[in-house]
Amino acid sequence: VNPNQAHYGLAQLENDFKVSIITQN
């Protein structure tokens, strides 16, 4: 499997914000 557009969207947010992901996955 591969990342979907939601995964890529969150990565893209790092261009403008500090982003911390806490995942149950």
mmCIF file of all heavy atoms, coordinates in Angstrom:
data_MODEL
# 
_entry.id   MODEL 
# 
loop_
_atom_site.group_PDB 
_atom_site.id 
_atom_site.type_symbol 
_atom_site.label_atom_id 
_atom_site.label_alt_id 
_atom_site.label_comp_id 
_atom_site.label_asym_id 
_atom_site.label_entity_id 
_atom_site.label_seq_id 
_atom_site.pdbx_PDB_ins_code 
_atom_site.Cartn_x 
_atom_site.Cartn_y 
_atom_site.Cartn_z 
_atom_site.occupancy 
_atom_site.B_iso_or_equiv 
_atom_site.pdbx_formal_charge 
_atom_site.auth_seq_id 
_atom_site.auth_comp_id 
_atom_site.auth_asym_id 
_atom_site.auth_atom_id 
_atom_site.pdbx_PDB_model_num 
ATOM 1   N N   . VAL A 1 1  ? 0.839  -1.197 0.000  1.00 0.00 ? 1  VAL A N   1 
ATOM 2   C CA  . VAL A 1 1  ? 0.000  0.000  0.000  1.00 0.00 ? 1  VAL A CA  1 
ATOM 3   C C   . VAL A 1 1  ? 0.874  1.247  0.000  1.00 0.00 ? 1  VAL A C   1 
ATOM 4   O O   . VAL A 1 1  ? 2.082  1.182  0.258  1.00 0.00 ? 1  VAL A O   1 
ATOM 5   C CB  . VAL A 1 1  ? -0.950 0.026  1.216  1.00 0.00 ? 1  VAL A CB  1 
ATOM 6   C CG1 . VAL A 1 1  ? -1.863 -1.200 1.202  1.00 0.00 ? 1  VAL A CG1 1 
ATOM 7   C CG2 . VAL A 1 1  ? -0.162 0.080  2.522  1.00 0.00 ? 1  VAL A CG2 1 
ATOM 8   N N   . ASN A 1 2  ? 0.251  2.381  -0.282 1.00 0.00 ? 2  ASN A N   1 
ATOM 9   C CA  . ASN A 1 2  ? 0.964  3.651  -0.344 1.00 0.00 ? 2  ASN A CA  1 
ATOM 10  C C   . ASN A 1 2  ? 0.203  4.717  0.425  1.00 0.00 ? 2  ASN A C   1 
ATOM 11  O O   . ASN A 1 2  ? -1.005 4.587  0.659  1.00 0.00 ? 2  ASN A O   1 
ATOM 12  C CB  . ASN A 1 2  ? 1.110  4.095  -1.813 1.00 0.00 ? 2  ASN A CB  1 
ATOM 13  C CG  . ASN A 1 2  ? 2.013  3.168  -2.600 1.00 0.00 ? 2  ASN A CG  1 
ATOM 14  O OD1 . ASN A 1 2  ? 3.176  3.001  -2.276 1.00 0.00 ? 2  ASN A OD1 1 
ATOM 15  N ND2 . ASN A 1 2  ? 1.464  2.551  -3.640 1.00 0.00 ? 2  ASN A ND2 1 
ATOM 16  N N   . PRO A 1 3  ? 0.898  5.785  0.834  1.00 0.00 ? 3  PRO A N   1 
ATOM 17  C CA  . PRO A 1 3  ? 0.186  6.887  1.474  1.00 0.00 ? 3  PRO A CA  1 
ATOM 18  C C   . PRO A 1 3  ? -0.906 7.424  0.556  1.00 0.00 ? 3  PRO A C   1 
ATOM 19  O O   . PRO A 1 3  ? -0.792 7.355  -0.670 1.00 0.00 ? 3  PRO A O   1 
ATOM 20  C CB  . PRO A 1 3  ? 1.288  7.943  1.680  1.00 0.00 ? 3  PRO A CB  1 
ATOM 21  C CG  . PRO A 1 3  ? 2.584  7.196  1.614  1.00 0.00 ? 3  PRO A CG  1 
ATOM 22  C CD  . PRO A 1 3  ? 2.341  6.057  0.681  1.00 0.00 ? 3  PRO A CD  1 
ATOM 23  N N   . ASN A 1 4  ? -1.970 7.952  1.151  1.00 0.00 ? 4  ASN A N   1 
ATOM 24  C CA  . ASN A 1 4  ? -3.021 8.577  0.357  1.00 0.00 ? 4  ASN A CA  1 
ATOM 25  C C   . ASN A 1 4  ? -2.901 10.100 0.435  1.00 0.00 ? 4  ASN A C   1 
ATOM 26  O O   . ASN A 1 4  ? -1.995 10.634 1.089  1.00 0.00 ? 4  ASN A O   1 
ATOM 27  C CB  . ASN A 1 4  ? -4.406 8.076  0.805  1.00 0.00 ? 4  ASN A CB  1 
ATOM 28  C CG  . ASN A 1 4  ? -4.707 8.388  2.264  1.00 0.00 ? 4  ASN A CG  1 
ATOM 29  O OD1 . ASN A 1 4  ? -4.640 9.530  2.697  1.00 0.00 ? 4  ASN A OD1 1 
ATOM 30  N ND2 . ASN A 1 4  ? -5.042 7.353  3.037  1.00 0.00 ? 4  ASN A ND2 1 
ATOM 31  N N   . GLN A 1 5  ? -3.814 10.795 -0.231 1.00 0.00 ? 5  GLN A N   1 
ATOM 32  C CA  . GLN A 1 5  ? -3.695 12.250 -0.321 1.00 0.00 ? 5  GLN A CA  1 
ATOM 33  C C   . GLN A 1 5  ? -3.836 12.926 1.042  1.00 0.00 ? 5  GLN A C   1 
ATOM 34  O O   . GLN A 1 5  ? -3.337 14.047 1.237  1.00 0.00 ? 5  GLN A O   1 
ATOM 35  C CB  . GLN A 1 5  ? -4.733 12.801 -1.300 1.00 0.00 ? 5  GLN A CB  1 
ATOM 36  C CG  . GLN A 1 5  ? -4.420 12.482 -2.764 1.00 0.00 ? 5  GLN A CG  1 
ATOM 37  C CD  . GLN A 1 5  ? -3.012 12.939 -3.154 1.00 0.00 ? 5  GLN A CD  1 
ATOM 38  O OE1 . GLN A 1 5  ? -2.638 14.081 -2.921 1.00 0.00 ? 5  GLN A OE1 1 
ATOM 39  N NE2 . GLN A 1 5  ? -2.237 12.036 -3.750 1.00 0.00 ? 5  GLN A NE2 1 
ATOM 40  N N   . ALA A 1 6  ? -4.493 12.271 1.993  1.00 0.00 ? 6  ALA A N   1 
ATOM 41  C CA  . ALA A 1 6  ? -4.576 12.847 3.341  1.00 0.00 ? 6  ALA A CA  1 
ATOM 42  C C   . ALA A 1 6  ? -3.196 12.856 4.003  1.00 0.00 ? 6  ALA A C   1 
ATOM 43  O O   . ALA A 1 6  ? -2.809 13.830 4.653  1.00 0.00 ? 6  ALA A O   1 
ATOM 44  C CB  . ALA A 1 6  ? -5.584 12.062 4.182  1.00 0.00 ? 6  ALA A CB  1 
ATOM 45  N N   . HIS A 1 7  ? -2.449 11.764 3.849  1.00 0.00 ? 7  HIS A N   1 
ATOM 46  C CA  . HIS A 1 7  ? -1.086 11.732 4.392  1.00 0.00 ? 7  HIS A CA  1 
ATOM 47  C C   . HIS A 1 7  ? -0.239 12.839 3.762  1.00 0.00 ? 7  HIS A C   1 
ATOM 48  O O   . HIS A 1 7  ? 0.482  13.559 4.466  1.00 0.00 ? 7  HIS A O   1 
ATOM 49  C CB  . HIS A 1 7  ? -0.425 10.375 4.119  1.00 0.00 ? 7  HIS A CB  1 
ATOM 50  C CG  . HIS A 1 7  ? -1.044 9.214  4.842  1.00 0.00 ? 7  HIS A CG  1 
ATOM 51  N ND1 . HIS A 1 7  ? -1.860 8.311  4.202  1.00 0.00 ? 7  HIS A ND1 1 
ATOM 52  C CD2 . HIS A 1 7  ? -0.956 8.798  6.131  1.00 0.00 ? 7  HIS A CD2 1 
ATOM 53  C CE1 . HIS A 1 7  ? -2.247 7.385  5.071  1.00 0.00 ? 7  HIS A CE1 1 
ATOM 54  N NE2 . HIS A 1 7  ? -1.716 7.661  6.252  1.00 0.00 ? 7  HIS A NE2 1 
ATOM 55  N N   . TYR A 1 8  ? -0.332 12.962 2.445  1.00 0.00 ? 8  TYR A N   1 
ATOM 56  C CA  . TYR A 1 8  ? 0.469  13.984 1.755  1.00 0.00 ? 8  TYR A CA  1 
ATOM 57  C C   . TYR A 1 8  ? 0.029  15.390 2.149  1.00 0.00 ? 8  TYR A C   1 
ATOM 58  O O   . TYR A 1 8  ? 0.845  16.304 2.263  1.00 0.00 ? 8  TYR A O   1 
ATOM 59  C CB  . TYR A 1 8  ? 0.382  13.799 0.239  1.00 0.00 ? 8  TYR A CB  1 
ATOM 60  C CG  . TYR A 1 8  ? 1.141  12.594 -0.267 1.00 0.00 ? 8  TYR A CG  1 
ATOM 61  C CD1 . TYR A 1 8  ? 0.481  11.516 -0.853 1.00 0.00 ? 8  TYR A CD1 1 
ATOM 62  C CD2 . TYR A 1 8  ? 2.529  12.508 -0.146 1.00 0.00 ? 8  TYR A CD2 1 
ATOM 63  C CE1 . TYR A 1 8  ? 1.173  10.396 -1.311 1.00 0.00 ? 8  TYR A CE1 1 
ATOM 64  C CE2 . TYR A 1 8  ? 3.230  11.391 -0.591 1.00 0.00 ? 8  TYR A CE2 1 
ATOM 65  C CZ  . TYR A 1 8  ? 2.544  10.342 -1.174 1.00 0.00 ? 8  TYR A CZ  1 
ATOM 66  O OH  . TYR A 1 8  ? 3.235  9.244  -1.607 1.00 0.00 ? 8  TYR A OH  1 
ATOM 67  N N   . GLY A 1 9  ? -1.276 15.564 2.387  1.00 0.00 ? 9  GLY A N   1 
ATOM 68  C CA  . GLY A 1 9  ? -1.791 16.866 2.794  1.00 0.00 ? 9  GLY A CA  1 
ATOM 69  C C   . GLY A 1 9  ? -1.220 17.299 4.135  1.00 0.00 ? 9  GLY A C   1 
ATOM 70  O O   . GLY A 1 9  ? -0.837 18.464 4.320  1.00 0.00 ? 9  GLY A O   1 
ATOM 71  N N   . LEU A 1 10 ? -1.148 16.368 5.078  1.00 0.00 ? 10 LEU A N   1 
ATOM 72  C CA  . LEU A 1 10 ? -0.575 16.701 6.394  1.00 0.00 ? 10 LEU A CA  1 
ATOM 73  C C   . LEU A 1 10 ? 0.901  17.052 6.266  1.00 0.00 ? 10 LEU A C   1 
ATOM 74  O O   . LEU A 1 10 ? 1.393  17.982 6.926  1.00 0.00 ? 10 LEU A O   1 
ATOM 75  C CB  . LEU A 1 10 ? -0.744 15.530 7.363  1.00 0.00 ? 10 LEU A CB  1 
ATOM 76  C CG  . LEU A 1 10 ? -2.164 15.246 7.849  1.00 0.00 ? 10 LEU A CG  1 
ATOM 77  C CD1 . LEU A 1 10 ? -2.157 14.075 8.830  1.00 0.00 ? 10 LEU A CD1 1 
ATOM 78  C CD2 . LEU A 1 10 ? -2.788 16.474 8.499  1.00 0.00 ? 10 LEU A CD2 1 
ATOM 79  N N   . ALA A 1 11 ? 1.619  16.316 5.418  1.00 0.00 ? 11 ALA A N   1 
ATOM 80  C CA  . ALA A 1 11 ? 3.035  16.635 5.207  1.00 0.00 ? 11 ALA A CA  1 
ATOM 81  C C   . ALA A 1 11 ? 3.186  18.033 4.612  1.00 0.00 ? 11 ALA A C   1 
ATOM 82  O O   . ALA A 1 11 ? 4.102  18.791 4.981  1.00 0.00 ? 11 ALA A O   1 
ATOM 83  C CB  . ALA A 1 11 ? 3.670  15.585 4.296  1.00 0.00 ? 11 ALA A CB  1 
ATOM 84  N N   . GLN A 1 12 ? 2.283  18.394 3.726  1.00 0.00 ? 12 GLN A N   1 
ATOM 85  C CA  . GLN A 1 12 ? 2.309  19.709 3.064  1.00 0.00 ? 12 GLN A CA  1 
ATOM 86  C C   . GLN A 1 12 ? 2.117  20.846 4.078  1.00 0.00 ? 12 GLN A C   1 
ATOM 87  O O   . GLN A 1 12 ? 2.676  21.925 3.917  1.00 0.00 ? 12 GLN A O   1 
ATOM 88  C CB  . GLN A 1 12 ? 1.191  19.749 2.014  1.00 0.00 ? 12 GLN A CB  1 
ATOM 89  C CG  . GLN A 1 12 ? 1.065  21.019 1.198  1.00 0.00 ? 12 GLN A CG  1 
ATOM 90  C CD  . GLN A 1 12 ? -0.194 20.970 0.321  1.00 0.00 ? 12 GLN A CD  1 
ATOM 91  O OE1 . GLN A 1 12 ? -0.601 19.908 -0.150 1.00 0.00 ? 12 GLN A OE1 1 
ATOM 92  N NE2 . GLN A 1 12 ? -0.811 22.118 0.128  1.00 0.00 ? 12 GLN A NE2 1 
ATOM 93  N N   . LEU A 1 13 ? 1.346  20.593 5.138  1.00 0.00 ? 13 LEU A N   1 
ATOM 94  C CA  . LEU A 1 13 ? 1.107  21.624 6.154  1.00 0.00 ? 13 LEU A CA  1 
ATOM 95  C C   . LEU A 1 13 ? 2.403  22.082 6.818  1.00 0.00 ? 13 LEU A C   1 
ATOM 96  O O   . LEU A 1 13 ? 2.474  23.185 7.366  1.00 0.00 ? 13 LEU A O   1 
ATOM 97  C CB  . LEU A 1 13 ? 0.138  21.113 7.219  1.00 0.00 ? 13 LEU A CB  1 
ATOM 98  C CG  . LEU A 1 13 ? -1.347 21.052 6.846  1.00 0.00 ? 13 LEU A CG  1 
ATOM 99  C CD1 . LEU A 1 13 ? -2.134 20.403 7.985  1.00 0.00 ? 13 LEU A CD1 1 
ATOM 100 C CD2 . LEU A 1 13 ? -1.891 22.441 6.555  1.00 0.00 ? 13 LEU A CD2 1 
ATOM 101 N N   . GLU A 1 14 ? 3.441  21.232 6.780  1.00 0.00 ? 14 GLU A N   1 
ATOM 102 C CA  . GLU A 1 14 ? 4.710  21.601 7.404  1.00 0.00 ? 14 GLU A CA  1 
ATOM 103 C C   . GLU A 1 14 ? 5.377  22.787 6.706  1.00 0.00 ? 14 GLU A C   1 
ATOM 104 O O   . GLU A 1 14 ? 6.302  23.394 7.256  1.00 0.00 ? 14 GLU A O   1 
ATOM 105 C CB  . GLU A 1 14 ? 5.663  20.399 7.436  1.00 0.00 ? 14 GLU A CB  1 
ATOM 106 C CG  . GLU A 1 14 ? 5.206  19.301 8.385  1.00 0.00 ? 14 GLU A CG  1 
ATOM 107 C CD  . GLU A 1 14 ? 6.260  18.233 8.622  1.00 0.00 ? 14 GLU A CD  1 
ATOM 108 O OE1 . GLU A 1 14 ? 7.460  18.495 8.362  1.00 0.00 ? 14 GLU A OE1 1 
ATOM 109 O OE2 . GLU A 1 14 ? 5.903  17.126 9.076  1.00 0.00 ? 14 GLU A OE2 1 
ATOM 110 N N   . ASN A 1 15 ? 4.915  23.126 5.487  1.00 0.00 ? 15 ASN A N   1 
ATOM 111 C CA  . ASN A 1 15 ? 5.466  24.297 4.798  1.00 0.00 ? 15 ASN A CA  1 
ATOM 112 C C   . ASN A 1 15 ? 5.100  25.591 5.519  1.00 0.00 ? 15 ASN A C   1 
ATOM 113 O O   . ASN A 1 15 ? 5.814  26.595 5.402  1.00 0.00 ? 15 ASN A O   1 
ATOM 114 C CB  . ASN A 1 15 ? 4.954  24.363 3.350  1.00 0.00 ? 15 ASN A CB  1 
ATOM 115 C CG  . ASN A 1 15 ? 5.437  23.198 2.514  1.00 0.00 ? 15 ASN A CG  1 
ATOM 116 O OD1 . ASN A 1 15 ? 6.512  22.651 2.761  1.00 0.00 ? 15 ASN A OD1 1 
ATOM 117 N ND2 . ASN A 1 15 ? 4.654  22.797 1.524  1.00 0.00 ? 15 ASN A ND2 1 
ATOM 118 N N   . ASP A 1 16 ? 3.976  25.584 6.236  1.00 0.00 ? 16 ASP A N   1 
ATOM 119 C CA  . ASP A 1 16 ? 3.472  26.819 6.845  1.00 0.00 ? 16 ASP A CA  1 
ATOM 120 C C   . ASP A 1 16 ? 3.268  26.736 8.354  1.00 0.00 ? 16 ASP A C   1 
ATOM 121 O O   . ASP A 1 16 ? 3.015  27.756 9.000  1.00 0.00 ? 16 ASP A O   1 
ATOM 122 C CB  . ASP A 1 16 ? 2.130  27.197 6.198  1.00 0.00 ? 16 ASP A CB  1 
ATOM 123 C CG  . ASP A 1 16 ? 2.250  27.397 4.700  1.00 0.00 ? 16 ASP A CG  1 
ATOM 124 O OD1 . ASP A 1 16 ? 2.978  28.318 4.293  1.00 0.00 ? 16 ASP A OD1 1 
ATOM 125 O OD2 . ASP A 1 16 ? 1.633  26.617 3.942  1.00 0.00 ? 16 ASP A OD2 1 
ATOM 126 N N   . PHE A 1 17 ? 3.346  25.533 8.922  1.00 0.00 ? 17 PHE A N   1 
ATOM 127 C CA  . PHE A 1 17 ? 3.083  25.363 10.344 1.00 0.00 ? 17 PHE A CA  1 
ATOM 128 C C   . PHE A 1 17 ? 4.091  24.392 10.954 1.00 0.00 ? 17 PHE A C   1 
ATOM 129 O O   . PHE A 1 17 ? 4.692  23.583 10.253 1.00 0.00 ? 17 PHE A O   1 
ATOM 130 C CB  . PHE A 1 17 ? 1.672  24.788 10.576 1.00 0.00 ? 17 PHE A CB  1 
ATOM 131 C CG  . PHE A 1 17 ? 0.549  25.613 10.014 1.00 0.00 ? 17 PHE A CG  1 
ATOM 132 C CD1 . PHE A 1 17 ? 0.068  25.376 8.726  1.00 0.00 ? 17 PHE A CD1 1 
ATOM 133 C CD2 . PHE A 1 17 ? -0.041 26.615 10.772 1.00 0.00 ? 17 PHE A CD2 1 
ATOM 134 C CE1 . PHE A 1 17 ? -0.974 26.134 8.199  1.00 0.00 ? 17 PHE A CE1 1 
ATOM 135 C CE2 . PHE A 1 17 ? -1.086 27.379 10.263 1.00 0.00 ? 17 PHE A CE2 1 
ATOM 136 C CZ  . PHE A 1 17 ? -1.551 27.130 8.964  1.00 0.00 ? 17 PHE A CZ  1 
ATOM 137 N N   . LYS A 1 18 ? 4.228  24.472 12.270 1.00 0.00 ? 18 LYS A N   1 
ATOM 138 C CA  . LYS A 1 18 ? 4.873  23.382 12.997 1.00 0.00 ? 18 LYS A CA  1 
ATOM 139 C C   . LYS A 1 18 ? 3.799  22.316 13.165 1.00 0.00 ? 18 LYS A C   1 
ATOM 140 O O   . LYS A 1 18 ? 2.708  22.604 13.664 1.00 0.00 ? 18 LYS A O   1 
ATOM 141 C CB  . LYS A 1 18 ? 5.361  23.847 14.371 1.00 0.00 ? 18 LYS A CB  1 
ATOM 142 C CG  . LYS A 1 18 ? 5.953  22.723 15.210 1.00 0.00 ? 18 LYS A CG  1 
ATOM 143 C CD  . LYS A 1 18 ? 6.308  23.181 16.617 1.00 0.00 ? 18 LYS A CD  1 
ATOM 144 C CE  . LYS A 1 18 ? 6.803  21.997 17.454 1.00 0.00 ? 18 LYS A CE  1 
ATOM 145 N NZ  . LYS A 1 18 ? 7.082  22.396 18.858 1.00 0.00 ? 18 LYS A NZ  1 
ATOM 146 N N   . VAL A 1 19 ? 4.062  21.089 12.724 1.00 0.00 ? 19 VAL A N   1 
ATOM 147 C CA  . VAL A 1 19 ? 3.056  20.027 12.744 1.00 0.00 ? 19 VAL A CA  1 
ATOM 148 C C   . VAL A 1 19 ? 3.574  18.839 13.564 1.00 0.00 ? 19 VAL A C   1 
ATOM 149 O O   . VAL A 1 19 ? 4.662  18.320 13.298 1.00 0.00 ? 19 VAL A O   1 
ATOM 150 C CB  . VAL A 1 19 ? 2.689  19.556 11.322 1.00 0.00 ? 19 VAL A CB  1 
ATOM 151 C CG1 . VAL A 1 19 ? 1.634  18.449 11.373 1.00 0.00 ? 19 VAL A CG1 1 
ATOM 152 C CG2 . VAL A 1 19 ? 2.199  20.724 10.473 1.00 0.00 ? 19 VAL A CG2 1 
ATOM 153 N N   . SER A 1 20 ? 2.793  18.426 14.553 1.00 0.00 ? 20 SER A N   1 
ATOM 154 C CA  . SER A 1 20 ? 3.100  17.218 15.320 1.00 0.00 ? 20 SER A CA  1 
ATOM 155 C C   . SER A 1 20 ? 1.966  16.227 15.118 1.00 0.00 ? 20 SER A C   1 
ATOM 156 O O   . SER A 1 20 ? 0.807  16.551 15.373 1.00 0.00 ? 20 SER A O   1 
ATOM 157 C CB  . SER A 1 20 ? 3.216  17.538 16.816 1.00 0.00 ? 20 SER A CB  1 
ATOM 158 O OG  . SER A 1 20 ? 4.252  18.459 17.058 1.00 0.00 ? 20 SER A OG  1 
ATOM 159 N N   . ILE A 1 21 ? 2.303  15.042 14.635 1.00 0.00 ? 21 ILE A N   1 
ATOM 160 C CA  . ILE A 1 21 ? 1.297  14.000 14.420 1.00 0.00 ? 21 ILE A CA  1 
ATOM 161 C C   . ILE A 1 21 ? 1.413  12.957 15.529 1.00 0.00 ? 21 ILE A C   1 
ATOM 162 O O   . ILE A 1 21 ? 2.492  12.439 15.803 1.00 0.00 ? 21 ILE A O   1 
ATOM 163 C CB  . ILE A 1 21 ? 1.484  13.329 13.043 1.00 0.00 ? 21 ILE A CB  1 
ATOM 164 C CG1 . ILE A 1 21 ? 1.227  14.344 11.928 1.00 0.00 ? 21 ILE A CG1 1 
ATOM 165 C CG2 . ILE A 1 21 ? 0.548  12.122 12.892 1.00 0.00 ? 21 ILE A CG2 1 
ATOM 166 C CD1 . ILE A 1 21 ? 1.547  13.839 10.543 1.00 0.00 ? 21 ILE A CD1 1 
ATOM 167 N N   . ILE A 1 22 ? 0.294  12.707 16.184 1.00 0.00 ? 22 ILE A N   1 
ATOM 168 C CA  . ILE A 1 22 ? 0.205  11.644 17.188 1.00 0.00 ? 22 ILE A CA  1 
ATOM 169 C C   . ILE A 1 22 ? -0.749 10.606 16.618 1.00 0.00 ? 22 ILE A C   1 
ATOM 170 O O   . ILE A 1 22 ? -1.931 10.880 16.413 1.00 0.00 ? 22 ILE A O   1 
ATOM 171 C CB  . ILE A 1 22 ? -0.324 12.185 18.525 1.00 0.00 ? 22 ILE A CB  1 
ATOM 172 C CG1 . ILE A 1 22 ? 0.590  13.297 19.052 1.00 0.00 ? 22 ILE A CG1 1 
ATOM 173 C CG2 . ILE A 1 22 ? -0.460 11.059 19.549 1.00 0.00 ? 22 ILE A CG2 1 
ATOM 174 C CD1 . ILE A 1 22 ? 0.003  14.082 20.213 1.00 0.00 ? 22 ILE A CD1 1 
ATOM 175 N N   . THR A 1 23 ? -0.239 9.432  16.307 1.00 0.00 ? 23 THR A N   1 
ATOM 176 C CA  . THR A 1 23 ? -1.068 8.452  15.615 1.00 0.00 ? 23 THR A CA  1 
ATOM 177 C C   . THR A 1 23 ? -1.263 7.181  16.425 1.00 0.00 ? 23 THR A C   1 
ATOM 178 O O   . THR A 1 23 ? -0.367 6.729  17.136 1.00 0.00 ? 23 THR A O   1 
ATOM 179 C CB  . THR A 1 23 ? -0.480 8.112  14.225 1.00 0.00 ? 23 THR A CB  1 
ATOM 180 O OG1 . THR A 1 23 ? -1.401 7.254  13.529 1.00 0.00 ? 23 THR A OG1 1 
ATOM 181 C CG2 . THR A 1 23 ? 0.874  7.423  14.318 1.00 0.00 ? 23 THR A CG2 1 
ATOM 182 N N   . GLN A 1 24 ? -2.469 6.618  16.300 1.00 0.00 ? 24 GLN A N   1 
ATOM 183 C CA  . GLN A 1 24 ? -2.749 5.303  16.862 1.00 0.00 ? 24 GLN A CA  1 
ATOM 184 C C   . GLN A 1 24 ? -2.372 4.206  15.864 1.00 0.00 ? 24 GLN A C   1 
ATOM 185 O O   . GLN A 1 24 ? -2.420 3.026  16.197 1.00 0.00 ? 24 GLN A O   1 
ATOM 186 C CB  . GLN A 1 24 ? -4.241 5.184  17.199 1.00 0.00 ? 24 GLN A CB  1 
ATOM 187 C CG  . GLN A 1 24 ? -4.710 6.183  18.242 1.00 0.00 ? 24 GLN A CG  1 
ATOM 188 C CD  . GLN A 1 24 ? -6.212 6.135  18.448 1.00 0.00 ? 24 GLN A CD  1 
ATOM 189 O OE1 . GLN A 1 24 ? -6.776 5.083  18.730 1.00 0.00 ? 24 GLN A OE1 1 
ATOM 190 N NE2 . GLN A 1 24 ? -6.882 7.264  18.287 1.00 0.00 ? 24 GLN A NE2 1 
ATOM 191 N N   . ASN A 1 25 ? -2.005 4.609  14.652 1.00 0.00 ? 25 ASN A N   1 
ATOM 192 C CA  . ASN A 1 25 ? -1.717 3.638  13.595 1.00 0.00 ? 25 ASN A CA  1 
ATOM 193 C C   . ASN A 1 25 ? -0.311 3.073  13.727 1.00 0.00 ? 25 ASN A C   1 
ATOM 194 O O   . ASN A 1 25 ? 0.617  3.773  14.137 1.00 0.00 ? 25 ASN A O   1 
ATOM 195 C CB  . ASN A 1 25 ? -1.897 4.286  12.226 1.00 0.00 ? 25 ASN A CB  1 
ATOM 196 C CG  . ASN A 1 25 ? -3.328 4.740  11.991 1.00 0.00 ? 25 ASN A CG  1 
ATOM 197 O OD1 . ASN A 1 25 ? -4.247 4.233  12.623 1.00 0.00 ? 25 ASN A OD1 1 
ATOM 198 N ND2 . ASN A 1 25 ? -3.516 5.701  11.105 1.00 0.00 ? 25 ASN A ND2 1 
# 
